[in-house]
Amino acid sequence: NSMTVNYRDGIYQCIDSSYVLQFSNEKVLAFYKYTDDWYLQNNLKDANIRRKEEMLNYLKAYIQKFNVTLIDNNYSTK
C-alpha cells in the first residue's frame, strides 16, 4: 500500500487508500477511515488497529529521513 505524507500548520498527515493519520509533537492526534467516514467524525486514534501502527512507523521513518537529508545537505531531485 502506497502512502502520501504532507505537513501543514505543525501537523503531519499520512494518507493511504483508506486511512488518514494526523501526527504532531510525537502524538497521534487523529486516525480516520475516510472511506467510511467522509466527514472525519469517528476518531479511531485510541482503537487497536494494526494499520495505524504501520502508518505511524512509516511516517516517523519518513520524518527522520527528511531531517537527516536536510542536516547532511544531501537533497536531490533525481
C-alpha atoms as a PDB file:
ATOM      1  CA  ASN A   1       0.000   0.000   0.000  1.00  0.00           C
ATOM      2  CA  SER A   2       1.478   3.338  -1.007  1.00  0.00           C
ATOM      3  CA  MET A   3       1.215   6.348   1.273  1.00  0.00           C
ATOM      4  CA  THR A   4       1.410  10.098   0.904  1.00  0.00           C
ATOM      5  CA  VAL A   5       2.785  12.478   3.524  1.00  0.00           C
ATOM      6  CA  ASN A   6       2.046  16.173   3.880  1.00  0.00           C
ATOM      7  CA  TYR A   7       2.707  18.812   6.513  1.00  0.00           C
ATOM      8  CA  ARG A   8       0.655  21.883   7.337  1.00  0.00           C
ATOM      9  CA  ASP A   9       0.334  24.117  10.385  1.00  0.00           C
ATOM     10  CA  GLY A  10       2.505  21.832  12.529  1.00  0.00           C
ATOM     11  CA  ILE A  11       0.598  18.649  11.697  1.00  0.00           C
ATOM     12  CA  TYR A  12       1.855  15.774   9.595  1.00  0.00           C
ATOM     13  CA  GLN A  13      -0.679  13.706   7.694  1.00  0.00           C
ATOM     14  CA  CYS A  14      -0.061  10.253   6.350  1.00  0.00           C
ATOM     15  CA  ILE A  15      -2.710   9.084   3.888  1.00  0.00           C
ATOM     16  CA  ASP A  16      -3.241   5.750   2.194  1.00  0.00           C
ATOM     17  CA  SER A  17      -6.119   4.334   0.156  1.00  0.00           C
ATOM     18  CA  SER A  18      -8.427   4.049   3.209  1.00  0.00           C
ATOM     19  CA  TYR A  19      -6.997   5.885   6.230  1.00  0.00           C
ATOM     20  CA  VAL A  20      -5.580   9.226   7.278  1.00  0.00           C
ATOM     21  CA  LEU A  21      -3.305   9.595  10.302  1.00  0.00           C
ATOM     22  CA  GLN A  22      -2.599  13.012  11.825  1.00  0.00           C
ATOM     23  CA  PHE A  23       0.540  13.396  13.950  1.00  0.00           C
ATOM     24  CA  SER A  24       2.164  16.258  15.860  1.00  0.00           C
ATOM     25  CA  ASN A  25       4.544  16.635  18.809  1.00  0.00           C
ATOM     26  CA  GLU A  26       5.181  12.884  18.995  1.00  0.00           C
ATOM     27  CA  LYS A  27       1.462  12.127  19.386  1.00  0.00           C
ATOM     28  CA  VAL A  28      -1.219  10.705  17.136  1.00  0.00           C
ATOM     29  CA  LEU A  29      -3.873  13.402  17.026  1.00  0.00           C
ATOM     30  CA  ALA A  30      -6.342  11.548  14.854  1.00  0.00           C
ATOM     31  CA  PHE A  31      -6.831   8.417  12.795  1.00  0.00           C
ATOM     32  CA  TYR A  32      -9.785   8.099  10.458  1.00  0.00           C
ATOM     33  CA  LYS A  33     -11.035   5.570   7.942  1.00  0.00           C
ATOM     34  CA  TYR A  34     -12.125   8.223   5.482  1.00  0.00           C
ATOM     35  CA  THR A  35     -13.575   5.725   3.017  1.00  0.00           C
ATOM     36  CA  ASP A  36     -16.335   5.025   5.572  1.00  0.00           C
ATOM     37  CA  ASP A  37     -16.231   8.369   7.422  1.00  0.00           C
ATOM     38  CA  TRP A  38     -16.054  11.166   4.842  1.00  0.00           C
ATOM     39  CA  TYR A  39     -16.617  13.924   7.387  1.00  0.00           C
ATOM     40  CA  LEU A  40     -13.972  12.571   9.775  1.00  0.00           C
ATOM     41  CA  GLN A  41     -16.374  12.288  12.699  1.00  0.00           C
ATOM     42  CA  ASN A  42     -15.172   8.967  14.188  1.00  0.00           C
ATOM     43  CA  ASN A  43     -11.618   9.366  15.503  1.00  0.00           C
ATOM     44  CA  LEU A  44     -10.041   5.910  15.795  1.00  0.00           C
ATOM     45  CA  LYS A  45      -6.780   7.082  17.394  1.00  0.00           C
ATOM     46  CA  ASP A  46      -7.354   5.012  20.533  1.00  0.00           C
ATOM     47  CA  ALA A  47      -8.520   1.902  18.702  1.00  0.00           C
ATOM     48  CA  ASN A  48      -6.133  -1.030  18.384  1.00  0.00           C
ATOM     49  CA  ILE A  49      -5.829  -1.058  14.588  1.00  0.00           C
ATOM     50  CA  ARG A  50      -2.721  -2.582  13.063  1.00  0.00           C
ATOM     51  CA  ARG A  51      -2.788  -0.224  10.076  1.00  0.00           C
ATOM     52  CA  LYS A  52      -2.475   2.766  12.428  1.00  0.00           C
ATOM     53  CA  GLU A  53       0.824   1.426  13.790  1.00  0.00           C
ATOM     54  CA  GLU A  54       2.110   0.671  10.283  1.00  0.00           C
ATOM     55  CA  MET A  55       1.306   4.179   9.111  1.00  0.00           C
ATOM     56  CA  LEU A  56       2.807   5.732  12.236  1.00  0.00           C
ATOM     57  CA  ASN A  57       6.057   3.809  11.774  1.00  0.00           C
ATOM     58  CA  TYR A  58       6.193   4.820   8.104  1.00  0.00           C
ATOM     59  CA  LEU A  59       5.590   8.464   8.987  1.00  0.00           C
ATOM     60  CA  LYS A  60       8.247   8.528  11.719  1.00  0.00           C
ATOM     61  CA  ALA A  61      10.788   6.982   9.339  1.00  0.00           C
ATOM     62  CA  TYR A  62       9.827   9.492   6.640  1.00  0.00           C
ATOM     63  CA  ILE A  63      10.324  12.424   9.034  1.00  0.00           C
ATOM     64  CA  GLN A  64      13.654  11.028  10.217  1.00  0.00           C
ATOM     65  CA  LYS A  65      14.914  10.523   6.662  1.00  0.00           C
ATOM     66  CA  PHE A  66      13.822  14.025   5.688  1.00  0.00           C
ATOM     67  CA  ASN A  67      15.598  15.585   8.682  1.00  0.00           C
ATOM     68  CA  VAL A  68      18.825  13.643   8.065  1.00  0.00           C
ATOM     69  CA  THR A  69      18.752  14.665   4.412  1.00  0.00           C
ATOM     70  CA  LEU A  70      18.491  18.332   5.417  1.00  0.00           C
ATOM     71  CA  ILE A  71      21.221  18.071   8.061  1.00  0.00           C
ATOM     72  CA  ASP A  72      23.589  16.379   5.612  1.00  0.00           C
ATOM     73  CA  ASN A  73      22.624  18.801   2.821  1.00  0.00           C
ATOM     74  CA  ASN A  74      22.055  15.752   0.649  1.00  0.00           C
ATOM     75  CA  TYR A  75      18.787  16.643  -1.098  1.00  0.00           C
ATOM     76  CA  SER A  76      18.429  15.568  -4.696  1.00  0.00           C
ATOM     77  CA  THR A  77      15.512  15.572  -7.117  1.00  0.00           C
ATOM     78  CA  LYS A  78      16.995  12.693  -9.130  1.00  0.00           C
END
